[in-house]
Amino acid sequence: MDLDPEARELMQAIRAHIDSLPACERLNALLKFVAVMLDYLTREQVLSIRAEMIETFGELQLSEALNLLDGHLALRELQGERE
């Protein structure tokens, strides 16, 4: 998905807002953001966000979310969706 400049700016503003939240609220906000945007993100974007989440929060805190992301990506592959 190639975002137009306005959409890219909006996504960056949302991420900046999430990053400004107290640490205890960031993970939940990021997971909600990804859940809403999942159908609009490319495989590469999902993988990039996944890696960033692991780096920031660790795999232990994210095990359920990672399973959902991985399952979503596997389903995309099975359905033959474009990346």
PDB file of N, CA and C in Angstrom:
ATOM      1  N   MET A   1       0.841  -1.169   0.000  1.00  0.00           N
ATOM      2  CA  MET A   1       0.000   0.000   0.000  1.00  0.00           C
ATOM      3  C   MET A   1       0.881   1.224   0.000  1.00  0.00           C
ATOM      4  N   ASP A   2       0.732   2.029  -1.006  1.00  0.00           N
ATOM      5  CA  ASP A   2       1.480   3.270  -1.098  1.00  0.00           C
ATOM      6  C   ASP A   2       0.576   4.399  -0.638  1.00  0.00           C
ATOM      7  N   LEU A   3       0.882   4.976   0.481  1.00  0.00           N
ATOM      8  CA  LEU A   3       0.035   6.019   1.042  1.00  0.00           C
ATOM      9  C   LEU A   3       0.304   7.360   0.386  1.00  0.00           C
ATOM     10  N   ASP A   4      -0.765   8.124   0.201  1.00  0.00           N
ATOM     11  CA  ASP A   4      -0.568   9.482  -0.276  1.00  0.00           C
ATOM     12  C   ASP A   4      -0.025  10.304   0.893  1.00  0.00           C
ATOM     13  N   PRO A   5       0.548  11.468   0.620  1.00  0.00           N
ATOM     14  CA  PRO A   5       1.186  12.257   1.690  1.00  0.00           C
ATOM     15  C   PRO A   5       0.251  12.580   2.858  1.00  0.00           C
ATOM     16  N   GLU A   6      -1.010  12.864   2.577  1.00  0.00           N
ATOM     17  CA  GLU A   6      -1.954  13.188   3.647  1.00  0.00           C
ATOM     18  C   GLU A   6      -2.196  11.987   4.555  1.00  0.00           C
ATOM     19  N   ALA A   7      -2.371  10.806   3.962  1.00  0.00           N
ATOM     20  CA  ALA A   7      -2.584   9.596   4.754  1.00  0.00           C
ATOM     21  C   ALA A   7      -1.337   9.239   5.554  1.00  0.00           C
ATOM     22  N   ARG A   8      -0.169   9.407   4.931  1.00  0.00           N
ATOM     23  CA  ARG A   8       1.092   9.127   5.631  1.00  0.00           C
ATOM     24  C   ARG A   8       1.245  10.065   6.838  1.00  0.00           C
ATOM     25  N   GLU A   9       0.887  11.321   6.655  1.00  0.00           N
ATOM     26  CA  GLU A   9       0.972  12.303   7.738  1.00  0.00           C
ATOM     27  C   GLU A   9       0.022  11.932   8.883  1.00  0.00           C
ATOM     28  N   LEU A  10      -1.181  11.486   8.535  1.00  0.00           N
ATOM     29  CA  LEU A  10      -2.147  11.066   9.539  1.00  0.00           C
ATOM     30  C   LEU A  10      -1.625   9.861  10.315  1.00  0.00           C
ATOM     31  N   MET A  11      -1.071   8.883   9.614  1.00  0.00           N
ATOM     32  CA  MET A  11      -0.525   7.688  10.280  1.00  0.00           C
ATOM     33  C   MET A  11       0.616   8.090  11.221  1.00  0.00           C
ATOM     34  N   GLN A  12       1.464   9.007  10.780  1.00  0.00           N
ATOM     35  CA  GLN A  12       2.574   9.455  11.628  1.00  0.00           C
ATOM     36  C   GLN A  12       2.064  10.202  12.858  1.00  0.00           C
ATOM     37  N   ALA A  13       1.004  10.978  12.684  1.00  0.00           N
ATOM     38  CA  ALA A  13       0.422  11.698  13.819  1.00  0.00           C
ATOM     39  C   ALA A  13      -0.173  10.725  14.836  1.00  0.00           C
ATOM     40  N   ILE A  14      -0.827   9.685  14.348  1.00  0.00           N
ATOM     41  CA  ILE A  14      -1.395   8.673  15.244  1.00  0.00           C
ATOM     42  C   ILE A  14      -0.280   7.975  16.013  1.00  0.00           C
ATOM     43  N   ARG A  15       0.770   7.593  15.295  1.00  0.00           N
ATOM     44  CA  ARG A  15       1.901   6.927  15.965  1.00  0.00           C
ATOM     45  C   ARG A  15       2.571   7.861  16.968  1.00  0.00           C
ATOM     46  N   ALA A  16       2.701   9.137  16.639  1.00  0.00           N
ATOM     47  CA  ALA A  16       3.291  10.095  17.576  1.00  0.00           C
ATOM     48  C   ALA A  16       2.426  10.215  18.832  1.00  0.00           C
ATOM     49  N   HIS A  17       1.117  10.205  18.634  1.00  0.00           N
ATOM     50  CA  HIS A  17       0.212  10.270  19.788  1.00  0.00           C
ATOM     51  C   HIS A  17       0.371   9.021  20.656  1.00  0.00           C
ATOM     52  N   ILE A  18       0.418   7.860  20.029  1.00  0.00           N
ATOM     53  CA  ILE A  18       0.613   6.613  20.785  1.00  0.00           C
ATOM     54  C   ILE A  18       1.920   6.679  21.562  1.00  0.00           C
ATOM     55  N   ASP A  19       2.975   7.168  20.914  1.00  0.00           N
ATOM     56  CA  ASP A  19       4.278   7.255  21.575  1.00  0.00           C
ATOM     57  C   ASP A  19       4.282   8.243  22.739  1.00  0.00           C
ATOM     58  N   SER A  20       3.343   9.199  22.730  1.00  0.00           N
ATOM     59  CA  SER A  20       3.287  10.200  23.804  1.00  0.00           C
ATOM     60  C   SER A  20       2.490   9.714  25.013  1.00  0.00           C
ATOM     61  N   LEU A  21       1.795   8.593  24.879  1.00  0.00           N
ATOM     62  CA  LEU A  21       1.007   8.058  25.989  1.00  0.00           C
ATOM     63  C   LEU A  21       1.919   7.518  27.091  1.00  0.00           C
ATOM     64  N   PRO A  22       1.398   7.422  28.299  1.00  0.00           N
ATOM     65  CA  PRO A  22       2.182   6.777  29.363  1.00  0.00           C
ATOM     66  C   PRO A  22       2.561   5.361  28.931  1.00  0.00           C
ATOM     67  N   ALA A  23       3.712   4.915  29.350  1.00  0.00           N
ATOM     68  CA  ALA A  23       4.243   3.615  28.922  1.00  0.00           C
ATOM     69  C   ALA A  23       3.250   2.477  29.135  1.00  0.00           C
ATOM     70  N   CYS A  24       2.503   2.526  30.217  1.00  0.00           N
ATOM     71  CA  CYS A  24       1.567   1.437  30.520  1.00  0.00           C
ATOM     72  C   CYS A  24       0.385   1.399  29.558  1.00  0.00           C
ATOM     73  N   GLU A  25       0.145   2.466  28.792  1.00  0.00           N
ATOM     74  CA  GLU A  25      -0.974   2.529  27.852  1.00  0.00           C
ATOM     75  C   GLU A  25      -0.558   2.316  26.398  1.00  0.00           C
ATOM     76  N   ARG A  26       0.730   2.414  26.117  1.00  0.00           N
ATOM     77  CA  ARG A  26       1.206   2.363  24.728  1.00  0.00           C
ATOM     78  C   ARG A  26       0.911   1.047  24.023  1.00  0.00           C
ATOM     79  N   LEU A  27       1.167  -0.052  24.673  1.00  0.00           N
ATOM     80  CA  LEU A  27       0.976  -1.352  24.036  1.00  0.00           C
ATOM     81  C   LEU A  27      -0.475  -1.544  23.633  1.00  0.00           C
ATOM     82  N   ASN A  28      -1.388  -1.258  24.536  1.00  0.00           N
ATOM     83  CA  ASN A  28      -2.810  -1.427  24.234  1.00  0.00           C
ATOM     84  C   ASN A  28      -3.228  -0.513  23.075  1.00  0.00           C
ATOM     85  N   ALA A  29      -2.776   0.727  23.086  1.00  0.00           N
ATOM     86  CA  ALA A  29      -3.118   1.660  22.008  1.00  0.00           C
ATOM     87  C   ALA A  29      -2.538   1.194  20.674  1.00  0.00           C
ATOM     88  N   LEU A  30      -1.307   0.711  20.686  1.00  0.00           N
ATOM     89  CA  LEU A  30      -0.676   0.233  19.457  1.00  0.00           C
ATOM     90  C   LEU A  30      -1.403  -0.992  18.915  1.00  0.00           C
ATOM     91  N   LEU A  31      -1.790  -1.894  19.792  1.00  0.00           N
ATOM     92  CA  LEU A  31      -2.521  -3.088  19.361  1.00  0.00           C
ATOM     93  C   LEU A  31      -3.870  -2.715  18.758  1.00  0.00           C
ATOM     94  N   LYS A  32      -4.551  -1.758  19.344  1.00  0.00           N
ATOM     95  CA  LYS A  32      -5.832  -1.311  18.795  1.00  0.00           C
ATOM     96  C   LYS A  32      -5.635  -0.659  17.431  1.00  0.00           C
ATOM     97  N   PHE A  33      -4.600   0.148  17.307  1.00  0.00           N
ATOM     98  CA  PHE A  33      -4.283   0.801  16.038  1.00  0.00           C
ATOM     99  C   PHE A  33      -4.022  -0.240  14.953  1.00  0.00           C
ATOM    100  N   VAL A  34      -3.204  -1.220  15.263  1.00  0.00           N
ATOM    101  CA  VAL A  34      -2.882  -2.270  14.290  1.00  0.00           C
ATOM    102  C   VAL A  34      -4.132  -3.061  13.931  1.00  0.00           C
ATOM    103  N   ALA A  35      -4.957  -3.382  14.919  1.00  0.00           N
ATOM    104  CA  ALA A  35      -6.183  -4.152  14.659  1.00  0.00           C
ATOM    105  C   ALA A  35      -7.099  -3.418  13.687  1.00  0.00           C
ATOM    106  N   VAL A  36      -7.227  -2.119  13.864  1.00  0.00           N
ATOM    107  CA  VAL A  36      -8.089  -1.326  12.988  1.00  0.00           C
ATOM    108  C   VAL A  36      -7.493  -1.220  11.592  1.00  0.00           C
ATOM    109  N   MET A  37      -6.182  -1.076  11.517  1.00  0.00           N
ATOM    110  CA  MET A  37      -5.507  -0.829  10.242  1.00  0.00           C
ATOM    111  C   MET A  37      -5.078  -2.095   9.510  1.00  0.00           C
ATOM    112  N   LEU A  38      -5.222  -3.255  10.120  1.00  0.00           N
ATOM    113  CA  LEU A  38      -4.677  -4.495   9.583  1.00  0.00           C
ATOM    114  C   LEU A  38      -5.057  -4.750   8.125  1.00  0.00           C
ATOM    115  N   ASP A  39      -6.297  -4.524   7.778  1.00  0.00           N
ATOM    116  CA  ASP A  39      -6.735  -4.778   6.412  1.00  0.00           C
ATOM    117  C   ASP A  39      -6.178  -3.767   5.404  1.00  0.00           C
ATOM    118  N   TYR A  40      -5.671  -2.655   5.884  1.00  0.00           N
ATOM    119  CA  TYR A  40      -5.170  -1.602   5.000  1.00  0.00           C
ATOM    120  C   TYR A  40      -3.652  -1.601   4.876  1.00  0.00           C
ATOM    121  N   LEU A  41      -2.986  -2.385   5.704  1.00  0.00           N
ATOM    122  CA  LEU A  41      -1.524  -2.422   5.702  1.00  0.00           C
ATOM    123  C   LEU A  41      -1.014  -3.527   4.800  1.00  0.00           C
ATOM    124  N   THR A  42       0.106  -3.282   4.167  1.00  0.00           N
ATOM    125  CA  THR A  42       0.737  -4.318   3.364  1.00  0.00           C
ATOM    126  C   THR A  42       1.409  -5.329   4.295  1.00  0.00           C
ATOM    127  N   ARG A  43       1.774  -6.453   3.722  1.00  0.00           N
ATOM    128  CA  ARG A  43       2.482  -7.480   4.491  1.00  0.00           C
ATOM    129  C   ARG A  43       3.759  -6.900   5.101  1.00  0.00           C
ATOM    130  N   GLU A  44       4.489  -6.131   4.310  1.00  0.00           N
ATOM    131  CA  GLU A  44       5.733  -5.540   4.787  1.00  0.00           C
ATOM    132  C   GLU A  44       5.490  -4.574   5.940  1.00  0.00           C
ATOM    133  N   GLN A  45       4.418  -3.800   5.864  1.00  0.00           N
ATOM    134  CA  GLN A  45       4.105  -2.873   6.935  1.00  0.00           C
ATOM    135  C   GLN A  45       3.732  -3.627   8.212  1.00  0.00           C
ATOM    136  N   VAL A  46       2.961  -4.698   8.073  1.00  0.00           N
ATOM    137  CA  VAL A  46       2.591  -5.504   9.233  1.00  0.00           C
ATOM    138  C   VAL A  46       3.848  -6.109   9.865  1.00  0.00           C
ATOM    139  N   LEU A  47       4.737  -6.636   9.031  1.00  0.00           N
ATOM    140  CA  LEU A  47       5.977  -7.225   9.551  1.00  0.00           C
ATOM    141  C   LEU A  47       6.855  -6.175  10.223  1.00  0.00           C
ATOM    142  N   SER A  48       6.888  -4.986   9.662  1.00  0.00           N
ATOM    143  CA  SER A  48       7.675  -3.903  10.248  1.00  0.00           C
ATOM    144  C   SER A  48       7.116  -3.501  11.610  1.00  0.00           C
ATOM    145  N   ILE A  49       5.806  -3.345  11.695  1.00  0.00           N
ATOM    146  CA  ILE A  49       5.175  -3.001  12.972  1.00  0.00           C
ATOM    147  C   ILE A  49       5.373  -4.136  13.973  1.00  0.00           C
ATOM    148  N   ARG A  50       5.273  -5.369  13.498  1.00  0.00           N
ATOM    149  CA  ARG A  50       5.473  -6.542  14.358  1.00  0.00           C
ATOM    150  C   ARG A  50       6.877  -6.519  14.971  1.00  0.00           C
ATOM    151  N   ALA A  51       7.870  -6.272  14.143  1.00  0.00           N
ATOM    152  CA  ALA A  51       9.253  -6.225  14.622  1.00  0.00           C
ATOM    153  C   ALA A  51       9.451  -5.077  15.619  1.00  0.00           C
ATOM    154  N   GLU A  52       8.853  -3.943  15.318  1.00  0.00           N
ATOM    155  CA  GLU A  52       8.962  -2.788  16.209  1.00  0.00           C
ATOM    156  C   GLU A  52       8.303  -3.081  17.560  1.00  0.00           C
ATOM    157  N   MET A  53       7.162  -3.750  17.535  1.00  0.00           N
ATOM    158  CA  MET A  53       6.474  -4.100  18.766  1.00  0.00           C
ATOM    159  C   MET A  53       7.317  -5.057  19.605  1.00  0.00           C
ATOM    160  N   ILE A  54       7.943  -6.036  18.955  1.00  0.00           N
ATOM    161  CA  ILE A  54       8.798  -6.985  19.681  1.00  0.00           C
ATOM    162  C   ILE A  54       9.975  -6.259  20.304  1.00  0.00           C
ATOM    163  N   GLU A  55      10.581  -5.368  19.536  1.00  0.00           N
ATOM    164  CA  GLU A  55      11.745  -4.621  20.039  1.00  0.00           C
ATOM    165  C   GLU A  55      11.358  -3.750  21.234  1.00  0.00           C
ATOM    166  N   THR A  56      10.188  -3.148  21.169  1.00  0.00           N
ATOM    167  CA  THR A  56       9.759  -2.227  22.220  1.00  0.00           C
ATOM    168  C   THR A  56       9.201  -2.938  23.442  1.00  0.00           C
ATOM    169  N   PHE A  57       8.383  -3.971  23.228  1.00  0.00           N
ATOM    170  CA  PHE A  57       7.651  -4.573  24.341  1.00  0.00           C
ATOM    171  C   PHE A  57       8.087  -5.992  24.688  1.00  0.00           C
ATOM    172  N   GLY A  58       8.827  -6.651  23.809  1.00  0.00           N
ATOM    173  CA  GLY A  58       9.260  -8.018  24.065  1.00  0.00           C
ATOM    174  C   GLY A  58       8.213  -9.040  23.661  1.00  0.00           C
ATOM    175  N   GLU A  59       8.676 -10.208  23.256  1.00  0.00           N
ATOM    176  CA  GLU A  59       7.774 -11.253  22.763  1.00  0.00           C
ATOM    177  C   GLU A  59       6.841 -11.788  23.842  1.00  0.00           C
ATOM    178  N   LEU A  60       7.289 -11.806  25.068  1.00  0.00           N
ATOM    179  CA  LEU A  60       6.483 -12.376  26.140  1.00  0.00           C
ATOM    180  C   LEU A  60       5.167 -11.622  26.316  1.00  0.00           C
ATOM    181  N   GLN A  61       5.220 -10.296  26.310  1.00  0.00           N
ATOM    182  CA  GLN A  61       4.013  -9.487  26.462  1.00  0.00           C
ATOM    183  C   GLN A  61       3.111  -9.567  25.237  1.00  0.00           C
ATOM    184  N   LEU A  62       3.672  -9.945  24.107  1.00  0.00           N
ATOM    185  CA  LEU A  62       2.947  -9.879  22.838  1.00  0.00           C
ATOM    186  C   LEU A  62       2.528 -11.230  22.286  1.00  0.00           C
ATOM    187  N   SER A  63       2.681 -12.291  23.029  1.00  0.00           N
ATOM    188  CA  SER A  63       2.489 -13.621  22.445  1.00  0.00           C
ATOM    189  C   SER A  63       1.130 -13.771  21.757  1.00  0.00           C
ATOM    190  N   GLU A  64       0.056 -13.333  22.390  1.00  0.00           N
ATOM    191  CA  GLU A  64      -1.262 -13.464  21.774  1.00  0.00           C
ATOM    192  C   GLU A  64      -1.391 -12.566  20.545  1.00  0.00           C
ATOM    193  N   ALA A  65      -0.909 -11.340  20.645  1.00  0.00           N
ATOM    194  CA  ALA A  65      -0.985 -10.410  19.519  1.00  0.00           C
ATOM    195  C   ALA A  65      -0.156 -10.914  18.343  1.00  0.00           C
ATOM    196  N   LEU A  66       1.013 -11.467  18.620  1.00  0.00           N
ATOM    197  CA  LEU A  66       1.864 -11.991  17.547  1.00  0.00           C
ATOM    198  C   LEU A  66       1.197 -13.173  16.865  1.00  0.00           C
ATOM    199  N   ASN A  67       0.538 -14.027  17.641  1.00  0.00           N
ATOM    200  CA  ASN A  67      -0.183 -15.150  17.047  1.00  0.00           C
ATOM    201  C   ASN A  67      -1.281 -14.658  16.112  1.00  0.00           C
ATOM    202  N   LEU A  68      -1.993 -13.613  16.523  1.00  0.00           N
ATOM    203  CA  LEU A  68      -3.039 -13.047  15.673  1.00  0.00           C
ATOM    204  C   LEU A  68      -2.464 -12.429  14.403  1.00  0.00           C
ATOM    205  N   LEU A  69      -1.373 -11.683  14.544  1.00  0.00           N
ATOM    206  CA  LEU A  69      -0.740 -11.080  13.363  1.00  0.00           C
ATOM    207  C   LEU A  69      -0.243 -12.157  12.409  1.00  0.00           C
ATOM    208  N   ASP A  70       0.422 -13.160  12.952  1.00  0.00           N
ATOM    209  CA  ASP A  70       0.943 -14.238  12.114  1.00  0.00           C
ATOM    210  C   ASP A  70      -0.194 -15.000  11.434  1.00  0.00           C
ATOM    211  N   GLY A  71      -1.275 -15.225  12.177  1.00  0.00           N
ATOM    212  CA  GLY A  71      -2.431 -15.899  11.591  1.00  0.00           C
ATOM    213  C   GLY A  71      -3.063 -15.076  10.481  1.00  0.00           C
ATOM    214  N   HIS A  72      -3.145 -13.767  10.684  1.00  0.00           N
ATOM    215  CA  HIS A  72      -3.695 -12.884   9.652  1.00  0.00           C
ATOM    216  C   HIS A  72      -2.838 -12.934   8.387  1.00  0.00           C
ATOM    217  N   LEU A  73      -1.521 -12.884   8.564  1.00  0.00           N
ATOM    218  CA  LEU A  73      -0.617 -12.937   7.404  1.00  0.00           C
ATOM    219  C   LEU A  73      -0.717 -14.288   6.698  1.00  0.00           C
ATOM    220  N   ALA A  74      -0.830 -15.370   7.457  1.00  0.00           N
ATOM    221  CA  ALA A  74      -0.970 -16.698   6.846  1.00  0.00           C
ATOM    222  C   ALA A  74      -2.283 -16.795   6.070  1.00  0.00           C
ATOM    223  N   LEU A  75      -3.344 -16.240   6.620  1.00  0.00           N
ATOM    224  CA  LEU A  75      -4.630 -16.245   5.936  1.00  0.00           C
ATOM    225  C   LEU A  75      -4.563 -15.450   4.638  1.00  0.00           C
ATOM    226  N   ARG A  76      -3.874 -14.327   4.661  1.00  0.00           N
ATOM    227  CA  ARG A  76      -3.677 -13.544   3.436  1.00  0.00           C
ATOM    228  C   ARG A  76      -2.996 -14.386   2.364  1.00  0.00           C
ATOM    229  N   GLU A  77      -1.958 -15.114   2.771  1.00  0.00           N
ATOM    230  CA  GLU A  77      -1.232 -15.960   1.809  1.00  0.00           C
ATOM    231  C   GLU A  77      -2.140 -17.035   1.236  1.00  0.00           C
ATOM    232  N   LEU A  78      -2.921 -17.662   2.095  1.00  0.00           N
ATOM    233  CA  LEU A  78      -3.831 -18.704   1.632  1.00  0.00           C
ATOM    234  C   LEU A  78      -4.882 -18.151   0.681  1.00  0.00           C
ATOM    235  N   GLN A  79      -5.296 -16.944   0.917  1.00  0.00           N
ATOM    236  CA  GLN A  79      -6.307 -16.311   0.069  1.00  0.00           C
ATOM    237  C   GLN A  79      -5.696 -15.725  -1.199  1.00  0.00           C
ATOM    238  N   GLY A  80      -4.349 -15.683  -1.242  1.00  0.00           N
ATOM    239  CA  GLY A  80      -3.672 -15.171  -2.419  1.00  0.00           C
ATOM    240  C   GLY A  80      -3.766 -13.676  -2.603  1.00  0.00           C
ATOM    241  N   GLU A  81      -3.908 -12.958  -1.500  1.00  0.00           N
ATOM    242  CA  GLU A  81      -3.999 -11.503  -1.582  1.00  0.00           C
ATOM    243  C   GLU A  81      -2.665 -10.912  -1.971  1.00  0.00           C
ATOM    244  N   ARG A  82      -2.734  -9.767  -2.636  1.00  0.00           N
ATOM    245  CA  ARG A  82      -1.517  -9.046  -3.007  1.00  0.00           C
ATOM    246  C   ARG A  82      -0.856  -8.494  -1.763  1.00  0.00           C
ATOM    247  N   GLU A  83       0.473  -8.390  -1.822  1.00  0.00           N
ATOM    248  CA  GLU A  83       1.225  -7.847  -0.706  1.00  0.00           C
ATOM    249  C   GLU A  83       1.150  -6.374  -0.661  1.00  0.00           C
TER     250      GLU A  83
END
